[in-house]
Amino acid sequence: MSQDPFADAAVTVSADLQLTIPSAVGKSLRLSEGQRFQVVRYQDRIELIPIHPVQALRGFLKGMDTDLDKDTN
């Protein structure tokens, strides 16, 4: 059974208010150096939402049915 990389994962805020994500957590989430995140405050916690470049969205709707019924009014 694989060990949960988030078990016992804690971070400490530095003097510059920076956080370092534990290596095991970063690897399990496939994070890479320079990756950007949107910081969202939700109640009394912080959530990090990955920011994907627009180019990464290219083709994500491939195969989507684009036929629309026309409005008769």
Protein backbone atom coordinates (compact mmCIF):
# COMPACT_ATOMS: atom_id res chain seq x y z
CA MET A 1 0.00 0.00 0.00
CA SER A 2 1.41 3.44 -0.91
CA GLN A 3 1.84 6.02 1.82
CA ASP A 4 -0.24 9.20 1.61
CA PRO A 5 2.18 12.06 0.73
CA PHE A 6 -0.11 14.46 2.59
CA ALA A 7 0.16 12.56 5.88
CA ASP A 8 2.26 14.57 8.32
CA ALA A 9 2.83 17.24 5.66
CA ALA A 10 3.13 20.62 7.33
CA VAL A 11 4.59 23.90 6.19
CA THR A 12 6.00 26.86 8.10
CA VAL A 13 5.63 30.47 7.05
CA SER A 14 9.02 32.13 6.54
CA ALA A 15 9.93 35.69 7.57
CA ASP A 16 9.07 36.74 3.97
CA LEU A 17 5.62 35.07 4.30
CA GLN A 18 6.64 32.31 1.88
CA LEU A 19 5.62 28.66 2.09
CA THR A 20 7.59 25.66 0.90
CA ILE A 21 5.52 22.71 -0.25
CA PRO A 22 6.95 19.38 0.93
CA SER A 23 8.67 17.50 -1.89
CA ALA A 24 6.46 14.41 -1.61
CA VAL A 25 3.32 16.55 -1.92
CA GLY A 26 4.70 18.50 -4.90
CA LYS A 27 5.70 15.32 -6.71
CA SER A 28 2.33 13.65 -6.09
CA LEU A 29 0.56 16.70 -7.56
CA ARG A 30 3.08 16.93 -10.44
CA LEU A 31 3.99 20.52 -9.57
CA SER A 32 6.85 22.11 -11.46
CA GLU A 33 9.20 24.99 -10.78
CA GLY A 34 7.72 28.31 -11.80
CA GLN A 35 4.16 26.99 -11.88
CA ARG A 36 1.67 29.73 -11.01
CA PHE A 37 -1.38 29.55 -8.76
CA GLN A 38 -4.32 31.81 -8.00
CA VAL A 39 -4.56 32.30 -4.23
CA VAL A 40 -8.12 32.15 -2.91
CA ARG A 41 -9.20 32.84 0.64
CA TYR A 42 -12.08 30.56 1.60
CA GLN A 43 -13.41 31.11 5.13
CA ASP A 44 -10.29 30.70 7.28
CA ARG A 45 -8.11 28.74 4.87
CA ILE A 46 -6.05 29.36 1.73
CA GLU A 47 -6.64 27.46 -1.49
CA LEU A 48 -4.22 27.40 -4.42
CA ILE A 49 -5.78 27.06 -7.88
CA PRO A 50 -3.37 26.22 -10.73
CA ILE A 51 -3.23 28.85 -13.47
CA HIS A 52 -3.03 27.17 -16.86
CA PRO A 53 -1.76 29.09 -19.87
CA VAL A 54 -4.34 29.71 -22.59
CA GLN A 55 -2.31 27.55 -24.98
CA ALA A 56 -2.93 24.56 -22.69
CA LEU A 57 -6.67 24.85 -23.40
CA ARG A 58 -6.20 24.39 -27.14
CA GLY A 59 -8.18 21.37 -28.32
CA PHE A 60 -9.87 20.59 -25.02
CA LEU A 61 -13.29 20.75 -26.71
CA LYS A 62 -12.24 18.56 -29.63
CA GLY A 63 -15.09 16.28 -30.67
CA MET A 64 -17.77 18.46 -29.05
CA ASP A 65 -21.10 18.49 -30.87
CA THR A 66 -21.47 22.02 -32.25
CA ASP A 67 -24.87 21.52 -33.91
CA LEU A 68 -27.41 23.90 -32.42
CA ASP A 69 -31.16 24.04 -32.91
CA LYS A 70 -32.08 27.45 -34.32
CA ASP A 71 -34.58 29.57 -32.40
CA THR A 72 -37.76 29.88 -34.46
CA ASN A 73 -38.97 33.05 -32.72
